[in-house]
Amino acid sequence: MSELVLQIDGREVTVQEGATILEAAESLGIAIPTLCHHHKLEPYGGCRVCSVEVEANGRTMVVAACTYPAEKNVVVRTRSEKLSRIRQALVEMMLAHAPDSETLVALAEEYCADRERFKRNQSFCIHCGLCVRYCTEVKKKNALGFIDRGAKKRICFIPKIAATECWKCRECFPLCPTSALQAAFVLTEGMTTAELGDGCNCQR
């Protein structure tokens, strides 16, 4: 596999072809905020907090660093006024769902986000998908997924699988940036498979 050279925040870096911008930045010790990224999981690009500016062939575009491939001779900026505004707005929207998340509160302070900008709808989930993807890709248990779409989208455990697998595992719990997964799982405690039915038609 060939190597390529690009520039990130004024510094040149050489990476293997196929690496993402996030990986290239990490090799330089440049921190880019993420909420839906995990090194054991396939890139997802769901939260968009890792957005960066990429300049190539006279054009500048905003892309998700965790999914966008590093390219030869491109110039990447991980910090700018535009990116700060984007991250600020994203964090403000997510805070409406998880206002007490320590992770989001820290990002709100960093990007001067208004924690009261949007009306609260405390679902406690920001749809990062970490728990669902970890269970599917790493553990290969498929014990949970998403149900519904859009504003109604939420995490759902598959009772028959969760009853035998989740109690002894819980590896996905620490991944949740809002503690929503713990809350969802507690709701299933004491409920029998008969009460919940065979499942919840989850979308993994």
N, C-alpha and C. Protein backbone atom coordinates (compact mmCIF):
# COMPACT_ATOMS: atom_id res chain seq x y z
N MET A 1 0.84 -1.20 0.00
CA MET A 1 0.00 0.00 0.00
C MET A 1 0.88 1.25 0.00
N SER A 2 0.55 2.19 -0.87
CA SER A 2 1.39 3.37 -1.04
C SER A 2 1.16 4.39 0.07
N GLU A 3 2.12 5.32 0.19
CA GLU A 3 2.02 6.38 1.18
C GLU A 3 1.63 7.68 0.49
N LEU A 4 1.06 8.59 1.25
CA LEU A 4 0.73 9.90 0.71
C LEU A 4 1.00 10.95 1.77
N VAL A 5 1.24 12.17 1.29
CA VAL A 5 1.57 13.28 2.17
C VAL A 5 0.47 14.34 2.09
N LEU A 6 0.03 14.82 3.23
CA LEU A 6 -0.94 15.89 3.28
C LEU A 6 -0.55 16.86 4.40
N GLN A 7 -1.26 17.95 4.48
CA GLN A 7 -0.95 18.96 5.50
C GLN A 7 -2.15 19.16 6.42
N ILE A 8 -1.90 19.11 7.72
CA ILE A 8 -2.96 19.32 8.70
C ILE A 8 -2.52 20.42 9.66
N ASP A 9 -3.29 21.47 9.72
CA ASP A 9 -2.98 22.61 10.59
C ASP A 9 -1.54 23.09 10.42
N GLY A 10 -1.12 23.15 9.15
CA GLY A 10 0.20 23.67 8.83
C GLY A 10 1.35 22.68 9.00
N ARG A 11 1.03 21.44 9.34
CA ARG A 11 2.07 20.42 9.54
C ARG A 11 1.91 19.29 8.53
N GLU A 12 3.02 18.88 7.94
CA GLU A 12 2.97 17.77 6.99
C GLU A 12 2.96 16.44 7.71
N VAL A 13 2.22 15.51 7.14
CA VAL A 13 2.16 14.17 7.72
C VAL A 13 2.10 13.15 6.58
N THR A 14 2.77 12.04 6.78
CA THR A 14 2.76 10.95 5.81
C THR A 14 1.96 9.79 6.39
N VAL A 15 0.98 9.31 5.63
CA VAL A 15 0.14 8.20 6.10
C VAL A 15 -0.01 7.17 4.99
N GLN A 16 -0.46 6.01 5.37
CA GLN A 16 -0.74 4.97 4.39
C GLN A 16 -2.03 5.29 3.65
N GLU A 17 -2.06 4.97 2.39
CA GLU A 17 -3.29 5.14 1.61
C GLU A 17 -4.42 4.36 2.28
N GLY A 18 -5.57 4.97 2.40
CA GLY A 18 -6.70 4.33 3.06
C GLY A 18 -6.95 4.86 4.45
N ALA A 19 -5.97 5.60 4.99
CA ALA A 19 -6.16 6.20 6.32
C ALA A 19 -7.16 7.34 6.22
N THR A 20 -7.85 7.61 7.30
CA THR A 20 -8.79 8.73 7.34
C THR A 20 -8.06 9.99 7.82
N ILE A 21 -8.70 11.13 7.64
CA ILE A 21 -8.13 12.38 8.13
C ILE A 21 -8.01 12.33 9.65
N LEU A 22 -8.96 11.72 10.32
CA LEU A 22 -8.90 11.61 11.78
C LEU A 22 -7.66 10.82 12.20
N GLU A 23 -7.39 9.74 11.52
CA GLU A 23 -6.21 8.93 11.84
C GLU A 23 -4.93 9.69 11.56
N ALA A 24 -4.92 10.46 10.47
CA ALA A 24 -3.74 11.26 10.14
C ALA A 24 -3.50 12.32 11.20
N ALA A 25 -4.56 12.96 11.65
CA ALA A 25 -4.44 13.98 12.69
C ALA A 25 -3.95 13.37 14.00
N GLU A 26 -4.48 12.21 14.35
CA GLU A 26 -4.07 11.54 15.58
C GLU A 26 -2.59 11.19 15.55
N SER A 27 -2.07 10.86 14.37
CA SER A 27 -0.65 10.52 14.27
C SER A 27 0.24 11.72 14.54
N LEU A 28 -0.33 12.91 14.41
CA LEU A 28 0.40 14.15 14.71
C LEU A 28 0.13 14.64 16.12
N GLY A 29 -0.75 13.95 16.82
CA GLY A 29 -1.13 14.39 18.15
C GLY A 29 -2.13 15.52 18.14
N ILE A 30 -2.81 15.72 17.01
CA ILE A 30 -3.83 16.76 16.88
C ILE A 30 -5.18 16.17 17.28
N ALA A 31 -5.80 16.77 18.28
CA ALA A 31 -7.07 16.27 18.78
C ALA A 31 -8.25 16.85 18.01
N ILE A 32 -9.12 15.98 17.52
CA ILE A 32 -10.36 16.38 16.87
C ILE A 32 -11.49 15.77 17.68
N PRO A 33 -12.46 16.58 18.11
CA PRO A 33 -13.54 16.03 18.94
C PRO A 33 -14.38 15.00 18.19
N THR A 34 -14.77 13.95 18.87
CA THR A 34 -15.64 12.94 18.28
C THR A 34 -16.64 12.47 19.34
N LEU A 35 -17.77 11.99 18.88
CA LEU A 35 -18.76 11.40 19.77
C LEU A 35 -19.20 10.02 19.30
N CYS A 36 -19.14 9.77 18.00
CA CYS A 36 -19.61 8.49 17.48
C CYS A 36 -18.48 7.60 17.01
N HIS A 37 -17.24 8.01 17.23
CA HIS A 37 -16.09 7.25 16.73
C HIS A 37 -15.51 6.33 17.81
N HIS A 38 -15.10 5.14 17.40
CA HIS A 38 -14.40 4.21 18.28
C HIS A 38 -13.44 3.41 17.42
N HIS A 39 -12.20 3.23 17.92
CA HIS A 39 -11.16 2.60 17.09
C HIS A 39 -11.47 1.16 16.72
N LYS A 40 -12.37 0.50 17.45
CA LYS A 40 -12.72 -0.89 17.14
C LYS A 40 -13.87 -0.99 16.14
N LEU A 41 -14.49 0.15 15.82
CA LEU A 41 -15.68 0.13 14.98
C LEU A 41 -15.42 0.76 13.61
N GLU A 42 -16.24 0.36 12.66
CA GLU A 42 -16.16 0.97 11.34
C GLU A 42 -16.55 2.45 11.43
N PRO A 43 -15.91 3.32 10.65
CA PRO A 43 -16.27 4.75 10.67
C PRO A 43 -17.75 4.93 10.41
N TYR A 44 -18.34 5.89 11.13
CA TYR A 44 -19.80 6.05 11.10
C TYR A 44 -20.22 7.44 10.60
N GLY A 45 -19.54 8.47 11.07
CA GLY A 45 -19.85 9.83 10.61
C GLY A 45 -21.22 10.32 11.00
N GLY A 46 -21.71 9.88 12.15
CA GLY A 46 -23.06 10.24 12.55
C GLY A 46 -23.17 11.56 13.29
N CYS A 47 -22.25 11.85 14.17
CA CYS A 47 -22.39 13.04 15.02
C CYS A 47 -21.91 14.32 14.34
N ARG A 48 -20.98 14.20 13.42
CA ARG A 48 -20.41 15.32 12.65
C ARG A 48 -19.61 16.32 13.48
N VAL A 49 -19.42 16.02 14.77
CA VAL A 49 -18.61 16.92 15.61
C VAL A 49 -17.16 16.94 15.15
N CYS A 50 -16.74 15.90 14.45
CA CYS A 50 -15.36 15.83 13.97
C CYS A 50 -15.17 16.56 12.64
N SER A 51 -16.12 17.39 12.25
CA SER A 51 -16.02 18.11 10.97
C SER A 51 -14.74 18.93 10.88
N VAL A 52 -14.10 18.87 9.71
CA VAL A 52 -12.89 19.65 9.43
C VAL A 52 -13.03 20.28 8.05
N GLU A 53 -12.19 21.25 7.77
CA GLU A 53 -12.16 21.87 6.45
C GLU A 53 -11.05 21.25 5.61
N VAL A 54 -11.39 20.84 4.41
CA VAL A 54 -10.41 20.25 3.49
C VAL A 54 -10.32 21.13 2.25
N GLU A 55 -9.11 21.55 1.93
CA GLU A 55 -8.86 22.39 0.75
C GLU A 55 -8.11 21.59 -0.29
N ALA A 56 -8.71 21.48 -1.47
CA ALA A 56 -8.07 20.73 -2.56
C ALA A 56 -8.53 21.31 -3.89
N ASN A 57 -7.59 21.49 -4.80
CA ASN A 57 -7.89 22.00 -6.14
C ASN A 57 -8.67 23.31 -6.11
N GLY A 58 -8.31 24.17 -5.16
CA GLY A 58 -8.93 25.48 -5.09
C GLY A 58 -10.29 25.51 -4.43
N ARG A 59 -10.77 24.35 -3.96
CA ARG A 59 -12.07 24.27 -3.31
C ARG A 59 -11.90 23.90 -1.84
N THR A 60 -12.76 24.46 -1.01
CA THR A 60 -12.75 24.12 0.41
C THR A 60 -14.11 23.53 0.77
N MET A 61 -14.09 22.41 1.43
CA MET A 61 -15.35 21.78 1.85
C MET A 61 -15.22 21.28 3.28
N VAL A 62 -16.36 21.13 3.94
CA VAL A 62 -16.41 20.62 5.29
C VAL A 62 -16.79 19.14 5.23
N VAL A 63 -15.97 18.30 5.88
CA VAL A 63 -16.19 16.86 5.84
C VAL A 63 -16.04 16.27 7.23
N ALA A 64 -16.53 15.07 7.41
CA ALA A 64 -16.35 14.35 8.67
C ALA A 64 -14.98 13.68 8.66
N ALA A 65 -14.13 14.05 9.59
CA ALA A 65 -12.76 13.55 9.61
C ALA A 65 -12.68 12.04 9.81
N CYS A 66 -13.68 11.47 10.49
CA CYS A 66 -13.62 10.04 10.81
C CYS A 66 -13.94 9.16 9.62
N THR A 67 -14.57 9.72 8.59
CA THR A 67 -14.91 8.91 7.41
C THR A 67 -14.19 9.37 6.14
N TYR A 68 -13.72 10.61 6.11
CA TYR A 68 -13.12 11.13 4.88
C TYR A 68 -11.69 10.63 4.74
N PRO A 69 -11.36 10.03 3.60
CA PRO A 69 -10.00 9.49 3.41
C PRO A 69 -8.96 10.58 3.22
N ALA A 70 -7.80 10.37 3.78
CA ALA A 70 -6.68 11.28 3.56
C ALA A 70 -6.31 11.24 2.08
N GLU A 71 -6.02 12.41 1.51
CA GLU A 71 -5.68 12.49 0.09
C GLU A 71 -4.38 13.24 -0.09
N LYS A 72 -3.67 12.92 -1.15
CA LYS A 72 -2.38 13.51 -1.44
C LYS A 72 -2.49 15.01 -1.65
N ASN A 73 -1.63 15.73 -0.95
CA ASN A 73 -1.45 17.18 -1.11
C ASN A 73 -2.63 18.04 -0.66
N VAL A 74 -3.62 17.48 0.00
CA VAL A 74 -4.72 18.33 0.49
C VAL A 74 -4.27 19.07 1.74
N VAL A 75 -4.95 20.19 2.01
CA VAL A 75 -4.68 20.99 3.20
C VAL A 75 -5.90 20.88 4.11
N VAL A 76 -5.66 20.48 5.34
CA VAL A 76 -6.76 20.26 6.29
C VAL A 76 -6.64 21.25 7.45
N ARG A 77 -7.77 21.82 7.81
CA ARG A 77 -7.83 22.68 9.00
C ARG A 77 -8.80 22.05 9.99
N THR A 78 -8.33 21.82 11.19
CA THR A 78 -9.19 21.22 12.22
C THR A 78 -9.79 22.26 13.14
N ARG A 79 -9.29 23.50 13.05
CA ARG A 79 -9.80 24.59 13.89
C ARG A 79 -10.00 25.84 13.03
N SER A 80 -11.17 26.42 13.13
CA SER A 80 -11.46 27.69 12.45
C SER A 80 -12.76 28.23 13.03
N GLU A 81 -13.06 29.48 12.74
CA GLU A 81 -14.30 30.07 13.23
C GLU A 81 -15.51 29.32 12.68
N LYS A 82 -15.43 28.93 11.42
CA LYS A 82 -16.53 28.20 10.80
C LYS A 82 -16.75 26.86 11.49
N LEU A 83 -15.68 26.13 11.76
CA LEU A 83 -15.80 24.84 12.41
C LEU A 83 -16.31 24.99 13.84
N SER A 84 -15.88 26.02 14.50
CA SER A 84 -16.36 26.26 15.87
C SER A 84 -17.86 26.50 15.88
N ARG A 85 -18.35 27.25 14.88
CA ARG A 85 -19.80 27.52 14.80
C ARG A 85 -20.57 26.23 14.53
N ILE A 86 -20.01 25.39 13.65
CA ILE A 86 -20.66 24.12 13.34
C ILE A 86 -20.73 23.23 14.58
N ARG A 87 -19.59 23.09 15.26
CA ARG A 87 -19.56 22.24 16.46
C ARG A 87 -20.45 22.81 17.56
N GLN A 88 -20.46 24.11 17.67
CA GLN A 88 -21.29 24.77 18.67
C GLN A 88 -22.77 24.43 18.44
N ALA A 89 -23.23 24.56 17.20
CA ALA A 89 -24.62 24.29 16.87
C ALA A 89 -24.98 22.82 17.10
N LEU A 90 -24.07 21.92 16.71
CA LEU A 90 -24.32 20.49 16.90
C LEU A 90 -24.44 20.14 18.37
N VAL A 91 -23.54 20.68 19.17
CA VAL A 91 -23.57 20.41 20.61
C VAL A 91 -24.84 20.97 21.23
N GLU A 92 -25.26 22.16 20.79
CA GLU A 92 -26.49 22.76 21.33
C GLU A 92 -27.70 21.87 21.04
N MET A 93 -27.75 21.30 19.83
CA MET A 93 -28.86 20.42 19.50
C MET A 93 -28.85 19.15 20.32
N MET A 94 -27.67 18.59 20.54
CA MET A 94 -27.57 17.36 21.31
C MET A 94 -27.84 17.59 22.79
N LEU A 95 -27.50 18.76 23.28
CA LEU A 95 -27.76 19.09 24.69
C LEU A 95 -29.25 19.11 24.99
N ALA A 96 -30.07 19.37 23.98
CA ALA A 96 -31.51 19.37 24.19
C ALA A 96 -32.00 17.97 24.56
N HIS A 97 -31.26 16.96 24.12
CA HIS A 97 -31.64 15.56 24.41
C HIS A 97 -30.93 15.01 25.63
N ALA A 98 -29.73 15.51 25.91
CA ALA A 98 -28.95 14.99 27.04
C ALA A 98 -28.25 16.15 27.74
N PRO A 99 -29.01 17.01 28.43
CA PRO A 99 -28.44 18.23 29.02
C PRO A 99 -27.44 17.99 30.14
N ASP A 100 -27.48 16.81 30.73
CA ASP A 100 -26.59 16.54 31.86
C ASP A 100 -25.41 15.65 31.50
N SER A 101 -25.24 15.36 30.23
CA SER A 101 -24.12 14.55 29.80
C SER A 101 -22.81 15.28 30.06
N GLU A 102 -21.92 14.67 30.82
CA GLU A 102 -20.65 15.31 31.14
C GLU A 102 -19.84 15.58 29.87
N THR A 103 -19.92 14.66 28.93
CA THR A 103 -19.19 14.82 27.67
C THR A 103 -19.69 16.03 26.90
N LEU A 104 -20.99 16.17 26.80
CA LEU A 104 -21.56 17.30 26.07
C LEU A 104 -21.36 18.62 26.80
N VAL A 105 -21.45 18.59 28.11
CA VAL A 105 -21.23 19.81 28.90
C VAL A 105 -19.81 20.31 28.69
N ALA A 106 -18.85 19.39 28.64
CA ALA A 106 -17.45 19.78 28.42
C ALA A 106 -17.28 20.39 27.03
N LEU A 107 -17.93 19.80 26.02
CA LEU A 107 -17.85 20.35 24.67
C LEU A 107 -18.56 21.70 24.60
N ALA A 108 -19.64 21.84 25.35
CA ALA A 108 -20.37 23.12 25.37
C ALA A 108 -19.48 24.23 25.91
N GLU A 109 -18.71 23.92 26.92
CA GLU A 109 -17.79 24.91 27.49
C GLU A 109 -16.69 25.27 26.50
N GLU A 110 -16.19 24.25 25.80
CA GLU A 110 -15.10 24.48 24.84
C GLU A 110 -15.55 25.34 23.67
N TYR A 111 -16.79 25.12 23.21
CA TYR A 111 -17.26 25.84 22.02
C TYR A 111 -18.31 26.91 22.35
N CYS A 112 -18.40 27.28 23.62
CA CYS A 112 -19.29 28.36 24.07
C CYS A 112 -20.73 28.12 23.61
N ALA A 113 -21.17 26.89 23.72
CA ALA A 113 -22.53 26.54 23.30
C ALA A 113 -23.55 26.99 24.33
N ASP A 114 -24.71 27.40 23.84
CA ASP A 114 -25.82 27.82 24.69
C ASP A 114 -26.62 26.57 25.06
N ARG A 115 -26.56 26.18 26.32
CA ARG A 115 -27.22 24.95 26.76
C ARG A 115 -28.73 25.07 26.77
N GLU A 116 -29.25 26.27 26.60
CA GLU A 116 -30.70 26.48 26.62
C GLU A 116 -31.25 26.91 25.26
N ARG A 117 -30.43 26.81 24.22
CA ARG A 117 -30.86 27.33 22.93
C ARG A 117 -32.08 26.59 22.37
N PHE A 118 -32.10 25.28 22.51
CA PHE A 118 -33.19 24.48 21.96
C PHE A 118 -34.07 23.92 23.07
N LYS A 119 -35.34 23.80 22.78
CA LYS A 119 -36.28 23.24 23.74
C LYS A 119 -35.88 21.82 24.09
N ARG A 120 -35.90 21.51 25.36
CA ARG A 120 -35.44 20.20 25.81
C ARG A 120 -36.43 19.10 25.47
N ASN A 121 -35.88 18.02 25.00
CA ASN A 121 -36.63 16.80 24.70
C ASN A 121 -35.78 15.65 25.19
N GLN A 122 -35.76 15.44 26.49
CA GLN A 122 -34.78 14.58 27.13
C GLN A 122 -34.98 13.09 26.83
N SER A 123 -34.50 12.70 25.66
CA SER A 123 -34.50 11.29 25.29
C SER A 123 -33.25 10.61 25.84
N PHE A 124 -32.26 11.43 26.24
CA PHE A 124 -30.97 10.97 26.77
C PHE A 124 -30.14 10.23 25.73
N CYS A 125 -30.54 10.29 24.48
CA CYS A 125 -29.79 9.59 23.42
C CYS A 125 -29.50 10.56 22.29
N ILE A 126 -28.25 10.56 21.81
CA ILE A 126 -27.87 11.44 20.70
C ILE A 126 -27.64 10.65 19.42
N HIS A 127 -28.04 9.38 19.44
CA HIS A 127 -27.99 8.53 18.25
C HIS A 127 -26.59 8.35 17.69
N CYS A 128 -25.60 8.30 18.57
CA CYS A 128 -24.23 8.06 18.10
C CYS A 128 -24.05 6.65 17.58
N GLY A 129 -24.91 5.73 18.04
CA GLY A 129 -24.85 4.36 17.55
C GLY A 129 -23.73 3.51 18.11
N LEU A 130 -22.97 4.02 19.05
CA LEU A 130 -21.83 3.27 19.57
C LEU A 130 -22.25 1.93 20.18
N CYS A 131 -23.30 1.94 20.97
CA CYS A 131 -23.72 0.70 21.63
C CYS A 131 -24.21 -0.33 20.61
N VAL A 132 -25.02 0.11 19.68
CA VAL A 132 -25.56 -0.79 18.67
C VAL A 132 -24.45 -1.37 17.81
N ARG A 133 -23.55 -0.51 17.37
CA ARG A 133 -22.47 -0.95 16.49
C ARG A 133 -21.49 -1.85 17.22
N TYR A 134 -21.19 -1.53 18.48
CA TYR A 134 -20.26 -2.36 19.25
C TYR A 134 -20.83 -3.76 19.44
N CYS A 135 -22.10 -3.83 19.77
CA CYS A 135 -22.74 -5.13 19.98
C CYS A 135 -22.76 -5.95 18.69
N THR A 136 -22.96 -5.27 17.57
CA THR A 136 -23.04 -5.95 16.28
C THR A 136 -21.67 -6.28 15.71
N GLU A 137 -20.77 -5.30 15.70
CA GLU A 137 -19.48 -5.47 15.02
C GLU A 137 -18.44 -6.19 15.87
N VAL A 138 -18.40 -5.89 17.16
CA VAL A 138 -17.36 -6.46 18.03
C VAL A 138 -17.85 -7.73 18.73
N LYS A 139 -18.96 -7.62 19.43
CA LYS A 139 -19.48 -8.77 20.18
C LYS A 139 -20.27 -9.73 19.30
N LYS A 140 -20.81 -9.21 18.20
CA LYS A 140 -21.58 -10.01 17.24
C LYS A 140 -22.76 -10.71 17.91
N LYS A 141 -23.42 -9.99 18.82
CA LYS A 141 -24.56 -10.55 19.55
C LYS A 141 -25.89 -9.99 19.04
N ASN A 142 -25.87 -8.81 18.44
CA ASN A 142 -27.09 -8.18 17.93
C ASN A 142 -28.18 -8.09 18.99
N ALA A 143 -27.78 -7.70 20.19
CA ALA A 143 -28.72 -7.65 21.30
C ALA A 143 -29.51 -6.35 21.36
N LEU A 144 -29.12 -5.35 20.59
CA LEU A 144 -29.86 -4.10 20.59
C LEU A 144 -29.73 -3.41 19.24
N GLY A 145 -30.65 -2.49 19.02
CA GLY A 145 -30.65 -1.76 17.77
C GLY A 145 -31.47 -0.50 17.93
N PHE A 146 -31.78 0.15 16.81
CA PHE A 146 -32.62 1.34 16.84
C PHE A 146 -34.03 0.98 16.41
N ILE A 147 -35.00 1.64 17.01
CA ILE A 147 -36.39 1.48 16.61
C ILE A 147 -36.92 2.85 16.21
N ASP A 148 -37.80 2.86 15.21
CA ASP A 148 -38.37 4.09 14.66
C ASP A 148 -37.31 4.92 13.94
N ARG A 149 -37.73 6.05 13.43
CA ARG A 149 -36.83 6.92 12.67
C ARG A 149 -37.05 8.37 13.07
N GLY A 150 -36.12 9.23 12.63
CA GLY A 150 -36.25 10.65 12.89
C GLY A 150 -36.29 10.98 14.36
N ALA A 151 -37.20 11.87 14.73
CA ALA A 151 -37.29 12.34 16.11
C ALA A 151 -37.70 11.23 17.08
N LYS A 152 -38.34 10.18 16.56
CA LYS A 152 -38.82 9.08 17.41
C LYS A 152 -37.79 7.95 17.56
N LYS A 153 -36.67 8.09 16.91
CA LYS A 153 -35.65 7.05 16.93
C LYS A 153 -35.11 6.84 18.34
N ARG A 154 -34.97 5.58 18.76
CA ARG A 154 -34.48 5.29 20.10
C ARG A 154 -33.82 3.92 20.15
N ILE A 155 -33.06 3.69 21.21
CA ILE A 155 -32.39 2.41 21.42
C ILE A 155 -33.40 1.39 21.91
N CYS A 156 -33.25 0.16 21.44
CA CYS A 156 -34.15 -0.91 21.86
C CYS A 156 -33.35 -2.20 22.04
N PHE A 157 -33.50 -2.81 23.21
CA PHE A 157 -32.90 -4.12 23.45
C PHE A 157 -33.80 -5.22 22.91
N ILE A 158 -33.20 -6.28 22.39
CA ILE A 158 -33.95 -7.45 21.95
C ILE A 158 -34.09 -8.36 23.16
N PRO A 159 -35.25 -8.44 23.78
CA PRO A 159 -35.39 -9.13 25.06
C PRO A 159 -34.80 -10.54 25.12
N LYS A 160 -35.08 -11.36 24.12
CA LYS A 160 -34.63 -12.75 24.17
C LYS A 160 -33.11 -12.85 24.18
N ILE A 161 -32.44 -11.95 23.44
CA ILE A 161 -30.98 -11.97 23.40
C ILE A 161 -30.41 -11.28 24.63
N ALA A 162 -30.97 -10.13 24.97
CA ALA A 162 -30.46 -9.36 26.11
C ALA A 162 -30.54 -10.14 27.41
N ALA A 163 -31.60 -10.93 27.56
CA ALA A 163 -31.80 -11.68 28.79
C ALA A 163 -30.67 -12.66 29.07
N THR A 164 -30.04 -13.17 28.01
CA THR A 164 -28.97 -14.16 28.19
C THR A 164 -27.58 -13.58 27.98
N GLU A 165 -27.46 -12.50 27.21
CA GLU A 165 -26.15 -11.97 26.85
C GLU A 165 -25.74 -10.70 27.62
N CYS A 166 -26.67 -9.77 27.81
CA CYS A 166 -26.30 -8.44 28.30
C CYS A 166 -25.91 -8.40 29.77
N TRP A 167 -26.54 -9.22 30.59
CA TRP A 167 -26.23 -9.18 32.02
C TRP A 167 -24.77 -9.50 32.29
N LYS A 168 -24.21 -10.42 31.51
CA LYS A 168 -22.83 -10.83 31.74
C LYS A 168 -21.82 -10.05 30.90
N CYS A 169 -22.31 -9.18 30.06
CA CYS A 169 -21.40 -8.43 29.17
C CYS A 169 -21.28 -6.97 29.59
N ARG A 170 -22.22 -6.16 29.18
CA ARG A 170 -22.27 -4.73 29.49
C ARG A 170 -21.06 -3.95 29.00
N GLU A 171 -20.32 -4.47 28.04
CA GLU A 171 -19.13 -3.79 27.52
C GLU A 171 -19.47 -2.49 26.81
N CYS A 172 -20.70 -2.39 26.32
CA CYS A 172 -21.08 -1.18 25.59
C CYS A 172 -21.44 -0.03 26.53
N PHE A 173 -21.70 -0.34 27.80
CA PHE A 173 -22.13 0.71 28.72
C PHE A 173 -21.14 1.89 28.79
N PRO A 174 -19.84 1.65 28.97
CA PRO A 174 -18.91 2.78 29.10
C PRO A 174 -18.78 3.61 27.82
N LEU A 175 -19.24 3.09 26.69
CA LEU A 175 -19.12 3.81 25.43
C LEU A 175 -20.13 4.94 25.32
N CYS A 176 -21.24 4.83 26.02
CA CYS A 176 -22.34 5.79 25.88
C CYS A 176 -21.94 7.16 26.41
N PRO A 177 -21.95 8.20 25.57
CA PRO A 177 -21.55 9.53 26.02
C PRO A 177 -22.61 10.26 26.84
N THR A 178 -23.81 9.67 26.97
CA THR A 178 -24.88 10.34 27.71
C THR A 178 -25.46 9.49 28.83
N SER A 179 -24.94 8.27 29.01
CA SER A 179 -25.48 7.32 29.99
C SER A 179 -26.87 6.84 29.61
N ALA A 180 -27.30 7.09 28.39
CA ALA A 180 -28.62 6.67 27.94
C ALA A 180 -28.73 5.15 27.91
N LEU A 181 -27.66 4.50 27.53
CA LEU A 181 -27.71 3.05 27.42
C LEU A 181 -28.00 2.41 28.76
N GLN A 182 -27.34 2.90 29.80
CA GLN A 182 -27.60 2.37 31.14
C GLN A 182 -29.06 2.58 31.50
N ALA A 183 -29.59 3.76 31.20
CA ALA A 183 -30.98 4.06 31.52
C ALA A 183 -31.93 3.14 30.78
N ALA A 184 -31.66 2.90 29.50
CA ALA A 184 -32.51 2.03 28.70
C ALA A 184 -32.48 0.60 29.21
N PHE A 185 -31.29 0.16 29.63
CA PHE A 185 -31.16 -1.22 30.08
C PHE A 185 -31.86 -1.42 31.42
N VAL A 186 -31.77 -0.41 32.29
CA VAL A 186 -32.43 -0.50 33.58
C VAL A 186 -33.95 -0.65 33.39
N LEU A 187 -34.49 -0.01 32.35
CA LEU A 187 -35.91 -0.09 32.09
C LEU A 187 -36.35 -1.51 31.75
N THR A 188 -35.42 -2.30 31.23
CA THR A 188 -35.77 -3.68 30.88
C THR A 188 -35.66 -4.62 32.07
N GLU A 189 -35.01 -4.17 33.14
CA GLU A 189 -34.82 -5.03 34.30
C GLU A 189 -36.18 -5.36 34.93
N GLY A 190 -36.37 -6.60 35.19
CA GLY A 190 -37.62 -7.03 35.82
C GLY A 190 -38.71 -7.34 34.82
N MET A 191 -38.52 -6.94 33.58
CA MET A 191 -39.51 -7.25 32.56
C MET A 191 -39.21 -8.62 31.96
N THR A 192 -40.20 -9.42 31.78
CA THR A 192 -39.99 -10.75 31.22
C THR A 192 -40.10 -10.68 29.71
N THR A 193 -39.60 -11.70 29.07
CA THR A 193 -39.69 -11.76 27.62
C THR A 193 -41.15 -11.77 27.18
N ALA A 194 -41.98 -12.40 27.95
CA ALA A 194 -43.40 -12.46 27.61
C ALA A 194 -44.03 -11.08 27.63
N GLU A 195 -43.61 -10.25 28.61
CA GLU A 195 -44.17 -8.91 28.72
C GLU A 195 -43.76 -8.02 27.57
N LEU A 196 -42.51 -8.22 27.11
CA LEU A 196 -41.98 -7.35 26.06
C LEU A 196 -42.23 -7.89 24.67
N GLY A 197 -42.61 -9.15 24.56
CA GLY A 197 -42.80 -9.73 23.25
C GLY A 197 -41.51 -10.28 22.71
N ASP A 198 -41.50 -10.62 21.45
CA ASP A 198 -40.33 -11.25 20.83
C ASP A 198 -39.27 -10.25 20.46
N GLY A 199 -39.59 -8.99 20.41
CA GLY A 199 -38.59 -8.01 19.99
C GLY A 199 -39.23 -6.68 19.70
N CYS A 200 -38.47 -5.80 19.08
CA CYS A 200 -39.01 -4.45 18.86
C CYS A 200 -38.75 -3.96 17.43
N ASN A 201 -38.54 -4.93 16.51
CA ASN A 201 -38.35 -4.56 15.10
C ASN A 201 -37.22 -3.56 14.94
N CYS A 202 -36.10 -3.82 15.63
CA CYS A 202 -34.97 -2.88 15.62
C CYS A 202 -34.32 -2.80 14.26
N GLN A 203 -33.73 -1.63 13.98
CA GLN A 203 -32.94 -1.43 12.77
C GLN A 203 -31.49 -1.32 13.20
N ARG A 204 -30.67 -2.28 12.83
CA ARG A 204 -29.28 -2.28 13.27
C ARG A 204 -28.41 -1.60 12.24
